[in-house]
């Protein structure tokens, strides 16, 4: 009896440049997130950077959602200090 095994190559998603989207989001964030970057894959986005409070991390998430309909896989923006953000004017 002969059995054959079909071996499929592993699917590895490669990052896709997001320069236009990233620059629009960065402008809207107005300095809230340091070293902000978006890593885009075929099917979604990962947010990266540093901020000083969770509120700014959430604002970054909502700004990205405003600019694109791609799903967000992860919000990996790191909160350096856990404190209360003051309202910026």
PDB file of N, CA and C in Angstrom:
ATOM      1  N   UNK A   1       0.839  -1.169   0.000  1.00  0.00           N
ATOM      2  CA  UNK A   1       0.000   0.000   0.000  1.00  0.00           C
ATOM      3  C   UNK A   1       0.892   1.242   0.000  1.00  0.00           C
ATOM      4  N   UNK A   2       0.592   2.186  -0.858  1.00  0.00           N
ATOM      5  CA  UNK A   2       1.373   3.412  -0.994  1.00  0.00           C
ATOM      6  C   UNK A   2       0.579   4.568  -0.393  1.00  0.00           C
ATOM      7  N   UNK A   3       1.210   5.275   0.507  1.00  0.00           N
ATOM      8  CA  UNK A   3       0.569   6.469   1.068  1.00  0.00           C
ATOM      9  C   UNK A   3       1.417   7.679   0.700  1.00  0.00           C
ATOM     10  N   UNK A   4       0.768   8.715   0.351  1.00  0.00           N
ATOM     11  CA  UNK A   4       1.497   9.939   0.022  1.00  0.00           C
ATOM     12  C   UNK A   4       1.144  11.017   1.039  1.00  0.00           C
ATOM     13  N   UNK A   5       2.125  11.781   1.366  1.00  0.00           N
ATOM     14  CA  UNK A   5       1.926  12.862   2.325  1.00  0.00           C
ATOM     15  C   UNK A   5       2.135  14.185   1.615  1.00  0.00           C
ATOM     16  N   UNK A   6       1.167  15.032   1.732  1.00  0.00           N
ATOM     17  CA  UNK A   6       1.261  16.353   1.142  1.00  0.00           C
ATOM     18  C   UNK A   6       1.909  17.282   2.161  1.00  0.00           C
ATOM     19  N   UNK A   7       3.031  17.853   1.806  1.00  0.00           N
ATOM     20  CA  UNK A   7       3.730  18.774   2.701  1.00  0.00           C
ATOM     21  C   UNK A   7       3.540  20.186   2.175  1.00  0.00           C
ATOM     22  N   UNK A   8       2.876  20.994   2.968  1.00  0.00           N
ATOM     23  CA  UNK A   8       2.645  22.378   2.582  1.00  0.00           C
ATOM     24  C   UNK A   8       3.718  23.269   3.197  1.00  0.00           C
ATOM     25  N   UNK A   9       4.181  24.267   2.476  1.00  0.00           N
ATOM     26  CA  UNK A   9       5.168  25.174   3.060  1.00  0.00           C
ATOM     27  C   UNK A   9       4.530  26.002   4.171  1.00  0.00           C
ATOM     28  N   UNK A  10       5.334  26.328   5.167  1.00  0.00           N
ATOM     29  CA  UNK A  10       4.828  27.169   6.247  1.00  0.00           C
ATOM     30  C   UNK A  10       4.580  28.567   5.714  1.00  0.00           C
ATOM     31  N   UNK A  11       3.470  29.129   6.129  1.00  0.00           N
ATOM     32  CA  UNK A  11       3.123  30.479   5.711  1.00  0.00           C
ATOM     33  C   UNK A  11       3.718  31.457   6.708  1.00  0.00           C
ATOM     34  N   UNK A  12       4.613  32.289   6.225  1.00  0.00           N
ATOM     35  CA  UNK A  12       5.226  33.304   7.075  1.00  0.00           C
ATOM     36  C   UNK A  12       4.864  34.656   6.505  1.00  0.00           C
ATOM     37  N   UNK A  13       4.175  35.449   7.311  1.00  0.00           N
ATOM     38  CA  UNK A  13       3.801  36.766   6.848  1.00  0.00           C
ATOM     39  C   UNK A  13       4.996  37.709   6.971  1.00  0.00           C
ATOM     40  N   UNK A  14       5.239  38.445   5.924  1.00  0.00           N
ATOM     41  CA  UNK A  14       6.316  39.420   5.923  1.00  0.00           C
ATOM     42  C   UNK A  14       5.727  40.806   6.180  1.00  0.00           C
ATOM     43  N   UNK A  15       6.410  41.629   6.972  1.00  0.00           N
ATOM     44  CA  UNK A  15       5.911  42.989   7.203  1.00  0.00           C
ATOM     45  C   UNK A  15       5.796  43.769   5.892  1.00  0.00           C
ATOM     46  N   UNK A  16       4.763  44.576   5.802  1.00  0.00           N
ATOM     47  CA  UNK A  16       4.520  45.424   4.636  1.00  0.00           C
ATOM     48  C   UNK A  16       4.715  46.874   5.094  1.00  0.00           C
ATOM     49  N   UNK A  17       5.392  47.713   4.319  1.00  0.00           N
ATOM     50  CA  UNK A  17       5.616  49.103   4.730  1.00  0.00           C
ATOM     51  C   UNK A  17       4.305  49.854   4.999  1.00  0.00           C
ATOM     52  N   UNK A  18       4.329  50.723   6.001  1.00  0.00           N
ATOM     53  CA  UNK A  18       3.136  51.478   6.384  1.00  0.00           C
ATOM     54  C   UNK A  18       3.453  52.958   6.521  1.00  0.00           C
ATOM     55  N   UNK A  19       4.345  53.465   5.696  1.00  0.00           N
ATOM     56  CA  UNK A  19       4.838  54.830   5.892  1.00  0.00           C
ATOM     57  C   UNK A  19       3.734  55.885   5.864  1.00  0.00           C
ATOM     58  N   UNK A  20       2.810  55.824   4.908  1.00  0.00           N
ATOM     59  CA  UNK A  20       1.747  56.837   4.832  1.00  0.00           C
ATOM     60  C   UNK A  20       0.816  56.763   6.029  1.00  0.00           C
ATOM     61  N   UNK A  21       0.352  55.575   6.340  1.00  0.00           N
ATOM     62  CA  UNK A  21      -0.539  55.387   7.477  1.00  0.00           C
ATOM     63  C   UNK A  21       0.151  55.780   8.780  1.00  0.00           C
ATOM     64  N   UNK A  22       1.374  55.349   8.941  1.00  0.00           N
ATOM     65  CA  UNK A  22       2.126  55.636  10.161  1.00  0.00           C
ATOM     66  C   UNK A  22       2.337  57.140  10.339  1.00  0.00           C
ATOM     67  N   UNK A  23       2.649  57.857   9.280  1.00  0.00           N
ATOM     68  CA  UNK A  23       2.873  59.303   9.404  1.00  0.00           C
ATOM     69  C   UNK A  23       1.575  60.045   9.726  1.00  0.00           C
ATOM     70  N   UNK A  24       0.444  59.606   9.171  1.00  0.00           N
ATOM     71  CA  UNK A  24      -0.847  60.236   9.503  1.00  0.00           C
ATOM     72  C   UNK A  24      -1.202  60.011  10.964  1.00  0.00           C
ATOM     73  N   UNK A  25      -1.001  58.786  11.432  1.00  0.00           N
ATOM     74  CA  UNK A  25      -1.307  58.468  12.831  1.00  0.00           C
ATOM     75  C   UNK A  25      -0.375  59.238  13.761  1.00  0.00           C
ATOM     76  N   UNK A  26       0.902  59.280  13.429  1.00  0.00           N
ATOM     77  CA  UNK A  26       1.878  59.992  14.249  1.00  0.00           C
ATOM     78  C   UNK A  26       1.511  61.473  14.369  1.00  0.00           C
ATOM     79  N   UNK A  27       1.051  62.066  13.279  1.00  0.00           N
ATOM     80  CA  UNK A  27       0.638  63.478  13.312  1.00  0.00           C
ATOM     81  C   UNK A  27      -0.559  63.671  14.238  1.00  0.00           C
ATOM     82  N   UNK A  28      -1.515  62.760  14.198  1.00  0.00           N
ATOM     83  CA  UNK A  28      -2.700  62.862  15.057  1.00  0.00           C
ATOM     84  C   UNK A  28      -2.370  62.615  16.527  1.00  0.00           C
ATOM     85  N   UNK A  29      -1.374  61.795  16.790  1.00  0.00           N
ATOM     86  CA  UNK A  29      -1.010  61.503  18.184  1.00  0.00           C
ATOM     87  C   UNK A  29      -0.310  62.684  18.848  1.00  0.00           C
ATOM     88  N   UNK A  30       0.260  63.563  18.059  1.00  0.00           N
ATOM     89  CA  UNK A  30       0.843  64.795  18.577  1.00  0.00           C
ATOM     90  C   UNK A  30       1.861  64.552  19.691  1.00  0.00           C
ATOM     91  N   UNK A  31       2.719  63.555  19.503  1.00  0.00           N
ATOM     92  CA  UNK A  31       3.781  63.303  20.467  1.00  0.00           C
ATOM     93  C   UNK A  31       3.401  62.485  21.683  1.00  0.00           C
ATOM     94  N   UNK A  32       2.194  61.969  21.728  1.00  0.00           N
ATOM     95  CA  UNK A  32       1.767  61.170  22.893  1.00  0.00           C
ATOM     96  C   UNK A  32       2.544  59.865  23.019  1.00  0.00           C
ATOM     97  N   UNK A  33       2.943  59.285  21.880  1.00  0.00           N
ATOM     98  CA  UNK A  33       3.641  57.999  21.884  1.00  0.00           C
ATOM     99  C   UNK A  33       5.031  58.197  21.270  1.00  0.00           C
ATOM    100  N   UNK A  34       6.049  57.870  22.027  1.00  0.00           N
ATOM    101  CA  UNK A  34       7.434  57.992  21.547  1.00  0.00           C
ATOM    102  C   UNK A  34       7.801  56.750  20.737  1.00  0.00           C
ATOM    103  N   UNK A  35       8.625  56.933  19.744  1.00  0.00           N
ATOM    104  CA  UNK A  35       9.080  55.830  18.877  1.00  0.00           C
ATOM    105  C   UNK A  35       7.912  55.034  18.309  1.00  0.00           C
ATOM    106  N   UNK A  36       6.822  55.720  17.953  1.00  0.00           N
ATOM    107  CA  UNK A  36       5.638  55.031  17.431  1.00  0.00           C
ATOM    108  C   UNK A  36       5.942  54.389  16.092  1.00  0.00           C
ATOM    109  N   UNK A  37       5.548  53.129  15.949  1.00  0.00           N
ATOM    110  CA  UNK A  37       5.666  52.431  14.677  1.00  0.00           C
ATOM    111  C   UNK A  37       4.496  51.460  14.517  1.00  0.00           C
ATOM    112  N   UNK A  38       4.162  51.245  13.280  1.00  0.00           N
ATOM    113  CA  UNK A  38       3.145  50.252  12.927  1.00  0.00           C
ATOM    114  C   UNK A  38       3.842  49.156  12.152  1.00  0.00           C
ATOM    115  N   UNK A  39       3.556  47.936  12.504  1.00  0.00           N
ATOM    116  CA  UNK A  39       4.048  46.816  11.716  1.00  0.00           C
ATOM    117  C   UNK A  39       2.819  46.197  11.069  1.00  0.00           C
ATOM    118  N   UNK A  40       2.813  46.209   9.756  1.00  0.00           N
ATOM    119  CA  UNK A  40       1.647  45.710   9.031  1.00  0.00           C
ATOM    120  C   UNK A  40       1.959  44.377   8.383  1.00  0.00           C
ATOM    121  N   UNK A  41       1.057  43.447   8.565  1.00  0.00           N
ATOM    122  CA  UNK A  41       1.114  42.164   7.902  1.00  0.00           C
ATOM    123  C   UNK A  41      -0.043  42.104   6.922  1.00  0.00           C
ATOM    124  N   UNK A  42      -0.137  41.033   6.150  1.00  0.00           N
ATOM    125  CA  UNK A  42      -1.201  40.913   5.149  1.00  0.00           C
ATOM    126  C   UNK A  42      -2.579  41.152   5.738  1.00  0.00           C
ATOM    127  N   UNK A  43      -2.771  40.707   6.939  1.00  0.00           N
ATOM    128  CA  UNK A  43      -4.121  40.711   7.497  1.00  0.00           C
ATOM    129  C   UNK A  43      -4.323  41.647   8.679  1.00  0.00           C
ATOM    130  N   UNK A  44      -3.337  42.398   9.081  1.00  0.00           N
ATOM    131  CA  UNK A  44      -3.558  43.267  10.233  1.00  0.00           C
ATOM    132  C   UNK A  44      -2.334  44.056  10.659  1.00  0.00           C
ATOM    133  N   UNK A  45      -2.466  44.727  11.805  1.00  0.00           N
ATOM    134  CA  UNK A  45      -1.449  45.651  12.301  1.00  0.00           C
ATOM    135  C   UNK A  45      -1.009  45.303  13.719  1.00  0.00           C
ATOM    136  N   UNK A  46       0.224  45.682  14.034  1.00  0.00           N
ATOM    137  CA  UNK A  46       0.731  45.632  15.403  1.00  0.00           C
ATOM    138  C   UNK A  46       1.252  47.025  15.712  1.00  0.00           C
ATOM    139  N   UNK A  47       0.808  47.601  16.829  1.00  0.00           N
ATOM    140  CA  UNK A  47       1.252  48.923  17.261  1.00  0.00           C
ATOM    141  C   UNK A  47       2.423  48.759  18.214  1.00  0.00           C
ATOM    142  N   UNK A  48       3.446  49.624  18.048  1.00  0.00           N
ATOM    143  CA  UNK A  48       4.609  49.570  18.920  1.00  0.00           C
ATOM    144  C   UNK A  48       5.029  50.986  19.279  1.00  0.00           C
ATOM    145  N   UNK A  49       5.652  51.127  20.437  1.00  0.00           N
ATOM    146  CA  UNK A  49       6.157  52.418  20.875  1.00  0.00           C
ATOM    147  C   UNK A  49       6.188  52.474  22.394  1.00  0.00           C
ATOM    148  N   UNK A  50       6.353  53.702  22.919  1.00  0.00           N
ATOM    149  CA  UNK A  50       6.397  53.918  24.370  1.00  0.00           C
ATOM    150  C   UNK A  50       5.552  55.135  24.716  1.00  0.00           C
ATOM    151  N   UNK A  51       4.909  55.057  25.848  1.00  0.00           N
ATOM    152  CA  UNK A  51       4.137  56.197  26.329  1.00  0.00           C
ATOM    153  C   UNK A  51       4.202  56.229  27.850  1.00  0.00           C
ATOM    154  N   UNK A  52       3.653  57.285  28.452  1.00  0.00           N
ATOM    155  CA  UNK A  52       3.771  57.409  29.900  1.00  0.00           C
ATOM    156  C   UNK A  52       2.514  57.008  30.656  1.00  0.00           C
ATOM    157  N   UNK A  53       1.402  56.740  29.943  1.00  0.00           N
ATOM    158  CA  UNK A  53       0.200  56.295  30.663  1.00  0.00           C
ATOM    159  C   UNK A  53      -0.705  55.470  29.744  1.00  0.00           C
ATOM    160  N   UNK A  54      -1.591  54.733  30.356  1.00  0.00           N
ATOM    161  CA  UNK A  54      -2.480  53.843  29.608  1.00  0.00           C
ATOM    162  C   UNK A  54      -3.475  54.618  28.753  1.00  0.00           C
ATOM    163  N   UNK A  55      -3.826  55.815  29.178  1.00  0.00           N
ATOM    164  CA  UNK A  55      -4.753  56.634  28.402  1.00  0.00           C
ATOM    165  C   UNK A  55      -4.171  56.934  27.016  1.00  0.00           C
ATOM    166  N   UNK A  56      -2.901  57.307  26.969  1.00  0.00           N
ATOM    167  CA  UNK A  56      -2.263  57.589  25.680  1.00  0.00           C
ATOM    168  C   UNK A  56      -2.165  56.329  24.825  1.00  0.00           C
ATOM    169  N   UNK A  57      -1.953  55.188  25.446  1.00  0.00           N
ATOM    170  CA  UNK A  57      -1.921  53.916  24.721  1.00  0.00           C
ATOM    171  C   UNK A  57      -3.280  53.652  24.072  1.00  0.00           C
ATOM    172  N   UNK A  58      -4.348  53.942  24.810  1.00  0.00           N
ATOM    173  CA  UNK A  58      -5.694  53.750  24.281  1.00  0.00           C
ATOM    174  C   UNK A  58      -6.003  54.751  23.175  1.00  0.00           C
ATOM    175  N   UNK A  59      -5.563  55.997  23.341  1.00  0.00           N
ATOM    176  CA  UNK A  59      -5.766  57.007  22.304  1.00  0.00           C
ATOM    177  C   UNK A  59      -5.094  56.566  21.002  1.00  0.00           C
ATOM    178  N   UNK A  60      -3.878  56.035  21.107  1.00  0.00           N
ATOM    179  CA  UNK A  60      -3.161  55.562  19.919  1.00  0.00           C
ATOM    180  C   UNK A  60      -3.958  54.468  19.206  1.00  0.00           C
ATOM    181  N   UNK A  61      -4.517  53.563  19.963  1.00  0.00           N
ATOM    182  CA  UNK A  61      -5.317  52.488  19.386  1.00  0.00           C
ATOM    183  C   UNK A  61      -6.505  53.053  18.616  1.00  0.00           C
ATOM    184  N   UNK A  62      -7.202  54.011  19.197  1.00  0.00           N
ATOM    185  CA  UNK A  62      -8.384  54.575  18.552  1.00  0.00           C
ATOM    186  C   UNK A  62      -8.026  55.430  17.338  1.00  0.00           C
ATOM    187  N   UNK A  63      -6.891  56.113  17.376  1.00  0.00           N
ATOM    188  CA  UNK A  63      -6.453  56.893  16.217  1.00  0.00           C
ATOM    189  C   UNK A  63      -6.154  55.957  15.046  1.00  0.00           C
ATOM    190  N   UNK A  64      -5.495  54.842  15.320  1.00  0.00           N
ATOM    191  CA  UNK A  64      -5.210  53.874  14.248  1.00  0.00           C
ATOM    192  C   UNK A  64      -6.518  53.324  13.685  1.00  0.00           C
ATOM    193  N   UNK A  65      -7.463  52.997  14.546  1.00  0.00           N
ATOM    194  CA  UNK A  65      -8.750  52.464  14.076  1.00  0.00           C
ATOM    195  C   UNK A  65      -9.502  53.488  13.232  1.00  0.00           C
ATOM    196  N   UNK A  66      -9.296  54.789  13.513  1.00  0.00           N
ATOM    197  CA  UNK A  66      -9.931  55.836  12.726  1.00  0.00           C
ATOM    198  C   UNK A  66      -9.405  55.871  11.294  1.00  0.00           C
ATOM    199  N   UNK A  67      -8.123  55.542  11.118  1.00  0.00           N
ATOM    200  CA  UNK A  67      -7.469  55.676   9.822  1.00  0.00           C
ATOM    201  C   UNK A  67      -7.500  54.423   8.958  1.00  0.00           C
ATOM    202  N   UNK A  68      -7.832  53.278   9.525  1.00  0.00           N
ATOM    203  CA  UNK A  68      -7.803  52.048   8.735  1.00  0.00           C
ATOM    204  C   UNK A  68      -8.851  51.064   9.227  1.00  0.00           C
ATOM    205  N   UNK A  69      -9.249  50.184   8.327  1.00  0.00           N
ATOM    206  CA  UNK A  69     -10.197  49.133   8.711  1.00  0.00           C
ATOM    207  C   UNK A  69      -9.486  47.798   8.944  1.00  0.00           C
ATOM    208  N   UNK A  70      -8.154  47.793   8.818  1.00  0.00           N
ATOM    209  CA  UNK A  70      -7.406  46.558   9.082  1.00  0.00           C
ATOM    210  C   UNK A  70      -7.542  46.163  10.546  1.00  0.00           C
ATOM    211  N   UNK A  71      -7.635  44.880  10.843  1.00  0.00           N
ATOM    212  CA  UNK A  71      -7.696  44.466  12.246  1.00  0.00           C
ATOM    213  C   UNK A  71      -6.362  44.719  12.940  1.00  0.00           C
ATOM    214  N   UNK A  72      -6.436  44.971  14.235  1.00  0.00           N
ATOM    215  CA  UNK A  72      -5.235  45.195  15.028  1.00  0.00           C
ATOM    216  C   UNK A  72      -4.951  43.918  15.799  1.00  0.00           C
ATOM    217  N   UNK A  73      -3.815  43.301  15.486  1.00  0.00           N
ATOM    218  CA  UNK A  73      -3.439  42.047  16.137  1.00  0.00           C
ATOM    219  C   UNK A  73      -2.993  42.276  17.571  1.00  0.00           C
ATOM    220  N   UNK A  74      -2.232  43.350  17.799  1.00  0.00           N
ATOM    221  CA  UNK A  74      -1.705  43.597  19.145  1.00  0.00           C
ATOM    222  C   UNK A  74      -1.373  45.069  19.305  1.00  0.00           C
ATOM    223  N   UNK A  75      -1.572  45.543  20.527  1.00  0.00           N
ATOM    224  CA  UNK A  75      -1.138  46.883  20.896  1.00  0.00           C
ATOM    225  C   UNK A  75       0.039  46.694  21.846  1.00  0.00           C
ATOM    226  N   UNK A  76       1.251  46.723  21.298  1.00  0.00           N
ATOM    227  CA  UNK A  76       2.449  46.478  22.087  1.00  0.00           C
ATOM    228  C   UNK A  76       3.124  47.779  22.511  1.00  0.00           C
ATOM    229  N   UNK A  77       2.334  48.840  22.610  1.00  0.00           N
ATOM    230  CA  UNK A  77       2.875  50.104  23.111  1.00  0.00           C
ATOM    231  C   UNK A  77       3.141  49.929  24.600  1.00  0.00           C
ATOM    232  N   UNK A  78       4.369  50.203  24.998  1.00  0.00           N
ATOM    233  CA  UNK A  78       4.798  49.994  26.383  1.00  0.00           C
ATOM    234  C   UNK A  78       4.527  51.250  27.210  1.00  0.00           C
ATOM    235  N   UNK A  79       3.959  51.055  28.390  1.00  0.00           N
ATOM    236  CA  UNK A  79       3.712  52.155  29.312  1.00  0.00           C
ATOM    237  C   UNK A  79       4.890  52.212  30.278  1.00  0.00           C
ATOM    238  N   UNK A  80       5.700  53.275  30.181  1.00  0.00           N
ATOM    239  CA  UNK A  80       6.906  53.391  30.992  1.00  0.00           C
ATOM    240  C   UNK A  80       6.621  53.707  32.452  1.00  0.00           C
ATOM    241  N   UNK A  81       5.720  54.625  32.680  1.00  0.00           N
ATOM    242  CA  UNK A  81       5.367  55.011  34.047  1.00  0.00           C
ATOM    243  C   UNK A  81       3.861  54.882  34.185  1.00  0.00           C
ATOM    244  N   UNK A  82       3.430  54.280  35.246  1.00  0.00           N
ATOM    245  CA  UNK A  82       1.998  54.192  35.474  1.00  0.00           C
ATOM    246  C   UNK A  82       1.617  55.409  36.304  1.00  0.00           C
ATOM    247  N   UNK A  83       0.983  56.353  35.655  1.00  0.00           N
ATOM    248  CA  UNK A  83       0.538  57.568  36.345  1.00  0.00           C
ATOM    249  C   UNK A  83      -0.691  58.122  35.652  1.00  0.00           C
ATOM    250  N   UNK A  84      -1.243  59.151  36.218  1.00  0.00           N
ATOM    251  CA  UNK A  84      -2.401  59.782  35.627  1.00  0.00           C
ATOM    252  C   UNK A  84      -1.933  60.811  34.612  1.00  0.00           C
ATOM    253  N   UNK A  85      -2.475  60.735  33.423  1.00  0.00           N
ATOM    254  CA  UNK A  85      -2.107  61.708  32.403  1.00  0.00           C
ATOM    255  C   UNK A  85      -2.894  62.975  32.655  1.00  0.00           C
ATOM    256  N   UNK A  86      -2.251  64.086  32.468  1.00  0.00           N
ATOM    257  CA  UNK A  86      -2.961  65.354  32.562  1.00  0.00           C
ATOM    258  C   UNK A  86      -3.473  65.725  31.194  1.00  0.00           C
ATOM    259  N   UNK A  87      -4.549  66.410  31.172  1.00  0.00           N
ATOM    260  CA  UNK A  87      -5.142  66.806  29.889  1.00  0.00           C
ATOM    261  C   UNK A  87      -4.249  67.814  29.203  1.00  0.00           C
ATOM    262  N   UNK A  88      -3.993  67.560  27.929  1.00  0.00           N
ATOM    263  CA  UNK A  88      -3.136  68.469  27.160  1.00  0.00           C
ATOM    264  C   UNK A  88      -4.003  69.487  26.458  1.00  0.00           C
ATOM    265  N   UNK A  89      -3.549  70.707  26.457  1.00  0.00           N
ATOM    266  CA  UNK A  89      -4.328  71.758  25.782  1.00  0.00           C
ATOM    267  C   UNK A  89      -3.625  72.243  24.568  1.00  0.00           C
TER     268      UNK A  89
END
